[in-house]
């Protein structure tokens, strides 16, 4: 199963980039992971929040194919423990799903068109994190999920 991690904007801070790269390297042993960073919109001062979400939605939806199973990282999404997230990934891997796409939106969230295309929504926490931090937290949790699936000692329940 292929997993794509689609984000609006690039990861800026070096310490986050280093952490993400650490887990991306580790994930190569378990799955094919593709990270796609969509460039942030330019000249946003002239746009309302809704207009920004519409423009970001166009860019996001261009990167998604009809057969992708799309999961939005969204504050209103399902909350899983690490074991439950591992079970979710494992269930998708043994079903007919061949491609999972996890999406982090822009600063104002997602446009209705992206919600309409999504198959699921996932919340990493009831707390709010910066879009930059969420990237590292998600990649680490994805790695943790695969170690749980494989019964490896990374995760300590």
N, C-alpha and C. Protein backbone atom coordinates (compact mmCIF):
# COMPACT_ATOMS: atom_id res chain seq x y z
N UNK A 1 0.85 -1.17 0.00
CA UNK A 1 0.00 0.00 0.00
C UNK A 1 0.89 1.24 0.00
N UNK A 2 0.53 2.18 -0.83
CA UNK A 2 1.25 3.45 -0.92
C UNK A 2 0.58 4.46 0.00
N UNK A 3 1.40 5.24 0.70
CA UNK A 3 0.88 6.30 1.55
C UNK A 3 1.46 7.62 1.08
N UNK A 4 0.57 8.59 0.88
CA UNK A 4 1.00 9.94 0.51
C UNK A 4 0.64 10.87 1.65
N UNK A 5 1.58 11.73 1.98
CA UNK A 5 1.36 12.76 2.99
C UNK A 5 1.41 14.09 2.26
N UNK A 6 0.25 14.71 2.13
CA UNK A 6 0.07 15.92 1.33
C UNK A 6 -0.13 17.11 2.26
N UNK A 7 0.74 18.10 2.14
CA UNK A 7 0.66 19.27 3.02
C UNK A 7 0.61 20.56 2.20
N UNK A 8 -0.11 21.53 2.75
CA UNK A 8 -0.09 22.87 2.17
C UNK A 8 1.03 23.62 2.86
N UNK A 9 2.02 24.03 2.11
CA UNK A 9 3.18 24.71 2.66
C UNK A 9 4.31 23.75 2.94
N UNK A 10 5.50 24.29 3.02
CA UNK A 10 6.69 23.50 3.27
C UNK A 10 7.01 23.52 4.75
N UNK A 11 7.71 22.48 5.20
CA UNK A 11 8.19 22.45 6.57
C UNK A 11 9.38 23.40 6.65
N UNK A 12 9.31 24.35 7.57
CA UNK A 12 10.29 25.43 7.59
C UNK A 12 11.43 25.21 8.58
N UNK A 13 11.14 24.79 9.80
CA UNK A 13 12.15 24.72 10.83
C UNK A 13 13.04 23.49 10.66
N UNK A 14 14.34 23.70 10.80
CA UNK A 14 15.33 22.63 10.59
C UNK A 14 15.10 21.46 11.55
N UNK A 15 14.79 21.75 12.80
CA UNK A 15 14.61 20.65 13.76
C UNK A 15 13.41 19.78 13.39
N UNK A 16 12.37 20.38 12.82
CA UNK A 16 11.22 19.59 12.37
C UNK A 16 11.58 18.78 11.13
N UNK A 17 12.30 19.41 10.20
CA UNK A 17 12.75 18.69 9.00
C UNK A 17 13.60 17.48 9.39
N UNK A 18 14.50 17.68 10.35
CA UNK A 18 15.37 16.58 10.80
C UNK A 18 14.55 15.45 11.41
N UNK A 19 13.58 15.81 12.24
CA UNK A 19 12.74 14.79 12.86
C UNK A 19 11.91 14.04 11.83
N UNK A 20 11.33 14.76 10.91
CA UNK A 20 10.54 14.13 9.85
C UNK A 20 11.41 13.19 9.03
N UNK A 21 12.59 13.64 8.64
CA UNK A 21 13.49 12.81 7.83
C UNK A 21 13.89 11.54 8.58
N UNK A 22 14.09 11.64 9.88
CA UNK A 22 14.44 10.47 10.70
C UNK A 22 13.36 9.39 10.57
N UNK A 23 12.09 9.78 10.69
CA UNK A 23 11.01 8.79 10.63
C UNK A 23 10.70 8.37 9.20
N UNK A 24 10.89 9.25 8.23
CA UNK A 24 10.71 8.88 6.83
C UNK A 24 11.70 7.77 6.46
N UNK A 25 12.94 7.91 6.89
CA UNK A 25 13.95 6.86 6.62
C UNK A 25 13.54 5.54 7.26
N UNK A 26 13.05 5.60 8.47
CA UNK A 26 12.62 4.38 9.16
C UNK A 26 11.42 3.73 8.48
N UNK A 27 10.52 4.55 7.96
CA UNK A 27 9.31 4.04 7.32
C UNK A 27 9.59 3.28 6.03
N UNK A 28 10.73 3.53 5.41
CA UNK A 28 11.07 2.86 4.15
C UNK A 28 11.06 1.33 4.29
N UNK A 29 11.26 0.84 5.51
CA UNK A 29 11.26 -0.60 5.75
C UNK A 29 9.85 -1.19 5.75
N UNK A 30 8.83 -0.34 5.82
CA UNK A 30 7.46 -0.81 5.99
C UNK A 30 6.52 -0.48 4.84
N UNK A 31 6.69 0.68 4.25
CA UNK A 31 5.72 1.13 3.26
C UNK A 31 6.36 2.12 2.30
N UNK A 32 5.68 2.34 1.19
CA UNK A 32 6.11 3.39 0.27
C UNK A 32 5.42 4.68 0.70
N UNK A 33 6.22 5.65 1.13
CA UNK A 33 5.70 6.93 1.59
C UNK A 33 6.15 8.03 0.65
N UNK A 34 5.19 8.81 0.20
CA UNK A 34 5.48 9.96 -0.66
C UNK A 34 5.02 11.21 0.08
N UNK A 35 5.89 12.20 0.17
CA UNK A 35 5.51 13.47 0.78
C UNK A 35 5.41 14.52 -0.32
N UNK A 36 4.25 15.16 -0.39
CA UNK A 36 4.02 16.22 -1.37
C UNK A 36 3.72 17.50 -0.62
N UNK A 37 4.54 18.50 -0.88
CA UNK A 37 4.33 19.81 -0.27
C UNK A 37 3.83 20.77 -1.35
N UNK A 38 2.61 21.25 -1.15
CA UNK A 38 2.03 22.22 -2.07
C UNK A 38 2.51 23.60 -1.63
N UNK A 39 2.98 24.40 -2.55
CA UNK A 39 3.43 25.75 -2.20
C UNK A 39 2.30 26.56 -1.59
N UNK A 40 2.64 27.34 -0.57
CA UNK A 40 1.66 28.23 0.03
C UNK A 40 1.23 29.27 -0.99
N UNK A 41 0.02 29.75 -0.83
CA UNK A 41 -0.50 30.78 -1.73
C UNK A 41 0.30 32.07 -1.58
N UNK A 42 0.44 32.79 -2.66
CA UNK A 42 1.10 34.09 -2.65
C UNK A 42 0.04 35.20 -2.60
N UNK A 43 0.42 36.35 -2.11
CA UNK A 43 -0.45 37.54 -2.08
C UNK A 43 -1.81 37.26 -1.43
N UNK A 44 -1.78 36.66 -0.25
CA UNK A 44 -3.04 36.28 0.41
C UNK A 44 -3.72 37.44 1.12
N UNK A 45 -3.05 38.58 1.27
CA UNK A 45 -3.68 39.72 1.96
C UNK A 45 -4.94 40.20 1.24
N UNK A 46 -4.97 40.01 -0.06
CA UNK A 46 -6.12 40.45 -0.85
C UNK A 46 -7.25 39.41 -0.85
N UNK A 47 -7.03 38.24 -0.21
CA UNK A 47 -8.01 37.16 -0.21
C UNK A 47 -8.63 36.97 1.17
N UNK A 48 -9.91 36.65 1.19
CA UNK A 48 -10.55 36.30 2.46
C UNK A 48 -10.11 34.88 2.84
N UNK A 49 -10.41 34.48 4.07
CA UNK A 49 -10.09 33.12 4.49
C UNK A 49 -10.78 32.10 3.59
N UNK A 50 -12.03 32.35 3.26
CA UNK A 50 -12.78 31.42 2.40
C UNK A 50 -12.14 31.33 1.01
N UNK A 51 -11.73 32.46 0.46
CA UNK A 51 -11.08 32.45 -0.86
C UNK A 51 -9.77 31.68 -0.80
N UNK A 52 -9.04 31.83 0.28
CA UNK A 52 -7.78 31.08 0.42
C UNK A 52 -8.07 29.58 0.47
N UNK A 53 -9.09 29.19 1.23
CA UNK A 53 -9.43 27.77 1.32
C UNK A 53 -9.85 27.20 -0.04
N UNK A 54 -10.59 27.99 -0.82
CA UNK A 54 -11.01 27.55 -2.16
C UNK A 54 -9.79 27.33 -3.06
N UNK A 55 -8.86 28.28 -3.04
CA UNK A 55 -7.66 28.16 -3.88
C UNK A 55 -6.79 26.99 -3.43
N UNK A 56 -6.64 26.81 -2.12
CA UNK A 56 -5.88 25.66 -1.62
C UNK A 56 -6.56 24.35 -2.00
N UNK A 57 -7.89 24.34 -1.93
CA UNK A 57 -8.65 23.14 -2.29
C UNK A 57 -8.37 22.72 -3.73
N UNK A 58 -8.31 23.68 -4.63
CA UNK A 58 -8.02 23.38 -6.04
C UNK A 58 -6.67 22.68 -6.16
N UNK A 59 -5.69 23.19 -5.42
CA UNK A 59 -4.34 22.60 -5.47
C UNK A 59 -4.31 21.21 -4.83
N UNK A 60 -5.02 21.04 -3.74
CA UNK A 60 -5.08 19.74 -3.06
C UNK A 60 -5.76 18.72 -3.96
N UNK A 61 -6.92 19.07 -4.49
CA UNK A 61 -7.70 18.11 -5.28
C UNK A 61 -6.99 17.69 -6.57
N UNK A 62 -6.11 18.54 -7.09
CA UNK A 62 -5.33 18.17 -8.28
C UNK A 62 -4.36 17.03 -7.99
N UNK A 63 -3.97 16.87 -6.73
CA UNK A 63 -2.99 15.87 -6.33
C UNK A 63 -3.62 14.54 -5.93
N UNK A 64 -4.94 14.49 -5.93
CA UNK A 64 -5.66 13.29 -5.48
C UNK A 64 -6.30 12.60 -6.67
N UNK A 65 -6.16 11.28 -6.72
CA UNK A 65 -6.77 10.51 -7.81
C UNK A 65 -8.11 9.94 -7.33
N UNK A 66 -8.96 9.52 -8.26
CA UNK A 66 -10.27 8.97 -7.87
C UNK A 66 -10.17 7.71 -7.00
N UNK A 67 -9.08 6.96 -7.11
CA UNK A 67 -8.97 5.72 -6.34
C UNK A 67 -8.30 5.91 -4.98
N UNK A 68 -7.81 7.11 -4.69
CA UNK A 68 -7.17 7.36 -3.40
C UNK A 68 -8.19 7.34 -2.27
N UNK A 69 -7.78 6.79 -1.15
CA UNK A 69 -8.57 6.87 0.09
C UNK A 69 -8.01 8.07 0.85
N UNK A 70 -8.79 9.13 0.97
CA UNK A 70 -8.32 10.41 1.48
C UNK A 70 -8.72 10.60 2.94
N UNK A 71 -7.72 10.90 3.77
CA UNK A 71 -7.94 11.14 5.19
C UNK A 71 -7.43 12.54 5.51
N UNK A 72 -8.32 13.40 5.99
CA UNK A 72 -7.94 14.75 6.35
C UNK A 72 -7.49 14.78 7.81
N UNK A 73 -6.36 15.41 8.08
CA UNK A 73 -5.97 15.67 9.46
C UNK A 73 -6.74 16.91 9.89
N UNK A 74 -7.73 16.70 10.73
CA UNK A 74 -8.73 17.72 11.02
C UNK A 74 -9.13 17.63 12.48
N UNK A 75 -9.30 18.78 13.10
CA UNK A 75 -9.64 18.82 14.52
C UNK A 75 -10.96 18.12 14.85
N UNK A 76 -11.83 17.96 13.88
CA UNK A 76 -13.12 17.31 14.11
C UNK A 76 -13.11 15.83 13.72
N UNK A 77 -11.91 15.30 13.48
CA UNK A 77 -11.80 13.92 13.03
C UNK A 77 -11.84 12.90 14.16
N UNK A 78 -11.73 11.65 13.77
CA UNK A 78 -11.68 10.54 14.73
C UNK A 78 -10.41 10.68 15.56
N UNK A 79 -10.50 10.34 16.83
CA UNK A 79 -9.31 10.30 17.67
C UNK A 79 -9.01 8.85 17.99
N UNK A 80 -7.77 8.44 17.73
CA UNK A 80 -7.33 7.08 17.96
C UNK A 80 -6.21 7.05 18.98
N UNK A 81 -6.11 5.95 19.71
CA UNK A 81 -4.88 5.67 20.43
C UNK A 81 -3.87 5.20 19.37
N UNK A 82 -2.62 5.06 19.74
CA UNK A 82 -1.63 4.57 18.78
C UNK A 82 -1.99 3.16 18.30
N UNK A 83 -2.48 2.31 19.20
CA UNK A 83 -2.87 0.95 18.80
C UNK A 83 -4.07 0.98 17.86
N UNK A 84 -5.02 1.86 18.12
CA UNK A 84 -6.19 1.97 17.23
C UNK A 84 -5.78 2.50 15.86
N UNK A 85 -4.85 3.43 15.82
CA UNK A 85 -4.37 3.95 14.55
C UNK A 85 -3.66 2.84 13.77
N UNK A 86 -2.87 2.04 14.46
CA UNK A 86 -2.19 0.91 13.81
C UNK A 86 -3.23 -0.06 13.23
N UNK A 87 -4.28 -0.33 13.98
CA UNK A 87 -5.33 -1.23 13.49
C UNK A 87 -6.03 -0.63 12.27
N UNK A 88 -6.24 0.68 12.27
CA UNK A 88 -6.85 1.37 11.13
C UNK A 88 -5.96 1.21 9.89
N UNK A 89 -4.67 1.46 10.02
CA UNK A 89 -3.73 1.32 8.90
C UNK A 89 -3.71 -0.13 8.42
N UNK A 90 -3.65 -1.07 9.35
CA UNK A 90 -3.60 -2.49 8.99
C UNK A 90 -4.86 -2.92 8.26
N UNK A 91 -6.01 -2.45 8.73
CA UNK A 91 -7.28 -2.78 8.07
C UNK A 91 -7.31 -2.25 6.64
N UNK A 92 -6.82 -1.03 6.44
CA UNK A 92 -6.78 -0.47 5.09
C UNK A 92 -5.82 -1.27 4.21
N UNK A 93 -4.71 -1.72 4.77
CA UNK A 93 -3.71 -2.46 4.00
C UNK A 93 -4.24 -3.80 3.51
N UNK A 94 -5.10 -4.44 4.31
CA UNK A 94 -5.61 -5.75 3.89
C UNK A 94 -6.93 -5.66 3.12
N UNK A 95 -7.46 -4.46 3.01
CA UNK A 95 -8.68 -4.27 2.22
C UNK A 95 -8.28 -3.92 0.79
N UNK A 96 -9.22 -3.45 0.04
CA UNK A 96 -8.97 -3.13 -1.37
C UNK A 96 -8.26 -1.78 -1.55
N UNK A 97 -7.96 -1.08 -0.46
CA UNK A 97 -7.32 0.23 -0.55
C UNK A 97 -5.85 0.05 -0.95
N UNK A 98 -5.46 0.68 -2.05
CA UNK A 98 -4.06 0.59 -2.48
C UNK A 98 -3.30 1.88 -2.23
N UNK A 99 -4.03 2.96 -1.95
CA UNK A 99 -3.37 4.24 -1.77
C UNK A 99 -4.10 5.08 -0.71
N UNK A 100 -3.40 5.39 0.38
CA UNK A 100 -3.92 6.29 1.40
C UNK A 100 -3.28 7.65 1.20
N UNK A 101 -4.08 8.70 1.29
CA UNK A 101 -3.57 10.06 1.19
C UNK A 101 -4.02 10.81 2.45
N UNK A 102 -3.04 11.18 3.27
CA UNK A 102 -3.30 11.98 4.47
C UNK A 102 -3.01 13.43 4.10
N UNK A 103 -3.92 14.34 4.47
CA UNK A 103 -3.82 15.73 4.04
C UNK A 103 -3.82 16.68 5.23
N UNK A 104 -2.83 17.59 5.23
CA UNK A 104 -2.79 18.71 6.17
C UNK A 104 -3.10 19.95 5.37
N UNK A 105 -4.14 20.67 5.75
CA UNK A 105 -4.55 21.86 5.01
C UNK A 105 -3.76 23.09 5.39
N UNK A 106 -4.23 24.21 4.91
CA UNK A 106 -3.61 25.49 5.20
C UNK A 106 -4.03 26.02 6.56
N UNK A 107 -3.68 27.26 6.85
CA UNK A 107 -3.92 27.82 8.18
C UNK A 107 -5.39 27.94 8.56
N UNK A 108 -6.29 27.96 7.60
CA UNK A 108 -7.71 28.11 7.90
C UNK A 108 -8.50 26.82 7.72
N UNK A 109 -7.81 25.72 7.52
CA UNK A 109 -8.50 24.44 7.37
C UNK A 109 -8.84 24.15 5.92
N UNK A 110 -9.89 23.36 5.74
CA UNK A 110 -10.26 22.87 4.43
C UNK A 110 -11.54 23.51 3.91
N UNK A 111 -11.59 23.66 2.60
CA UNK A 111 -12.80 24.08 1.91
C UNK A 111 -13.80 22.92 1.88
N UNK A 112 -15.07 23.23 1.72
CA UNK A 112 -16.12 22.21 1.67
C UNK A 112 -15.85 21.17 0.57
N UNK A 113 -15.24 21.57 -0.53
CA UNK A 113 -14.97 20.62 -1.63
C UNK A 113 -13.98 19.54 -1.21
N UNK A 114 -13.05 19.88 -0.33
CA UNK A 114 -12.08 18.89 0.16
C UNK A 114 -12.77 17.96 1.15
N UNK A 115 -13.62 18.52 2.03
CA UNK A 115 -14.39 17.67 2.93
C UNK A 115 -15.27 16.69 2.14
N UNK A 116 -15.84 17.18 1.05
CA UNK A 116 -16.72 16.33 0.23
C UNK A 116 -15.95 15.17 -0.40
N UNK A 117 -14.69 15.38 -0.74
CA UNK A 117 -13.87 14.33 -1.36
C UNK A 117 -13.30 13.35 -0.34
N UNK A 118 -13.17 13.78 0.90
CA UNK A 118 -12.51 12.96 1.92
C UNK A 118 -13.30 11.70 2.24
N UNK A 119 -12.57 10.64 2.54
CA UNK A 119 -13.18 9.40 3.00
C UNK A 119 -13.28 9.37 4.53
N UNK A 120 -12.28 9.97 5.19
CA UNK A 120 -12.23 10.00 6.65
C UNK A 120 -11.57 11.28 7.12
N UNK A 121 -11.76 11.56 8.39
CA UNK A 121 -11.06 12.67 9.05
C UNK A 121 -10.40 12.10 10.30
N UNK A 122 -9.20 12.56 10.58
CA UNK A 122 -8.42 12.07 11.71
C UNK A 122 -7.92 13.26 12.51
N UNK A 123 -8.12 13.21 13.81
CA UNK A 123 -7.58 14.23 14.71
C UNK A 123 -6.43 13.62 15.49
N UNK A 124 -5.31 14.30 15.54
CA UNK A 124 -4.17 13.80 16.30
C UNK A 124 -4.31 14.10 17.79
N UNK A 125 -5.15 15.06 18.14
CA UNK A 125 -5.33 15.43 19.54
C UNK A 125 -6.48 16.43 19.64
N UNK A 126 -7.04 16.53 20.83
CA UNK A 126 -8.02 17.58 21.08
C UNK A 126 -7.33 18.94 21.20
N UNK A 127 -6.02 18.91 21.40
CA UNK A 127 -5.24 20.15 21.46
C UNK A 127 -4.98 20.64 20.04
N UNK A 128 -4.65 21.92 19.93
CA UNK A 128 -4.31 22.50 18.63
C UNK A 128 -2.79 22.59 18.52
N UNK A 129 -2.25 22.13 17.40
CA UNK A 129 -0.82 22.21 17.13
C UNK A 129 -0.61 23.05 15.87
N UNK A 130 0.57 23.60 15.73
CA UNK A 130 0.89 24.31 14.50
C UNK A 130 0.91 23.31 13.35
N UNK A 131 0.65 23.81 12.15
CA UNK A 131 0.69 22.94 10.97
C UNK A 131 2.09 22.36 10.78
N UNK A 132 3.09 23.07 11.22
CA UNK A 132 4.47 22.59 11.11
C UNK A 132 4.68 21.39 12.04
N UNK A 133 4.23 21.50 13.29
CA UNK A 133 4.42 20.43 14.28
C UNK A 133 3.62 19.18 13.91
N UNK A 134 2.42 19.39 13.40
CA UNK A 134 1.56 18.25 13.05
C UNK A 134 2.28 17.30 12.10
N UNK A 135 3.07 17.84 11.22
CA UNK A 135 3.78 17.00 10.24
C UNK A 135 4.69 15.99 10.93
N UNK A 136 5.47 16.47 11.89
CA UNK A 136 6.36 15.56 12.63
C UNK A 136 5.56 14.58 13.47
N UNK A 137 4.55 15.07 14.17
CA UNK A 137 3.74 14.19 15.01
C UNK A 137 3.09 13.09 14.19
N UNK A 138 2.56 13.45 13.02
CA UNK A 138 1.90 12.45 12.19
C UNK A 138 2.88 11.40 11.67
N UNK A 139 4.02 11.85 11.16
CA UNK A 139 5.00 10.90 10.60
C UNK A 139 5.49 9.95 11.69
N UNK A 140 5.71 10.48 12.90
CA UNK A 140 6.13 9.61 14.01
C UNK A 140 5.04 8.59 14.33
N UNK A 141 3.78 9.03 14.35
CA UNK A 141 2.69 8.10 14.64
C UNK A 141 2.51 7.05 13.55
N UNK A 142 2.77 7.43 12.32
CA UNK A 142 2.72 6.46 11.23
C UNK A 142 3.80 5.40 11.42
N UNK A 143 4.99 5.85 11.76
CA UNK A 143 6.08 4.90 12.05
C UNK A 143 5.70 4.00 13.23
N UNK A 144 5.18 4.60 14.28
CA UNK A 144 4.76 3.83 15.47
C UNK A 144 3.71 2.79 15.08
N UNK A 145 2.77 3.18 14.23
CA UNK A 145 1.72 2.24 13.80
C UNK A 145 2.33 1.02 13.12
N UNK A 146 3.29 1.23 12.25
CA UNK A 146 3.91 0.10 11.56
C UNK A 146 4.70 -0.79 12.52
N UNK A 147 5.34 -0.20 13.53
CA UNK A 147 6.06 -1.05 14.49
C UNK A 147 5.07 -1.85 15.34
N UNK A 148 3.91 -1.28 15.63
CA UNK A 148 2.87 -2.01 16.36
C UNK A 148 2.36 -3.16 15.49
N UNK A 149 2.07 -2.88 14.24
CA UNK A 149 1.58 -3.91 13.31
C UNK A 149 2.56 -5.07 13.22
N UNK A 150 3.85 -4.75 13.19
CA UNK A 150 4.89 -5.78 13.05
C UNK A 150 5.30 -6.40 14.39
N UNK A 151 4.75 -5.89 15.49
CA UNK A 151 5.09 -6.43 16.80
C UNK A 151 6.50 -6.07 17.25
N UNK A 152 7.01 -4.97 16.76
CA UNK A 152 8.37 -4.56 17.11
C UNK A 152 8.36 -3.72 18.39
N UNK A 153 9.49 -3.61 19.08
CA UNK A 153 9.51 -3.03 20.43
C UNK A 153 9.50 -1.52 20.53
N UNK A 154 9.32 -0.77 19.47
CA UNK A 154 9.33 0.69 19.55
C UNK A 154 8.26 1.23 20.49
N UNK A 155 7.04 0.69 20.38
CA UNK A 155 5.90 1.16 21.17
C UNK A 155 5.83 0.38 22.48
N UNK A 156 5.67 1.11 23.58
CA UNK A 156 5.53 0.48 24.91
C UNK A 156 4.15 0.77 25.45
N UNK A 157 3.24 -0.21 25.34
CA UNK A 157 1.86 0.03 25.80
C UNK A 157 1.77 0.20 27.32
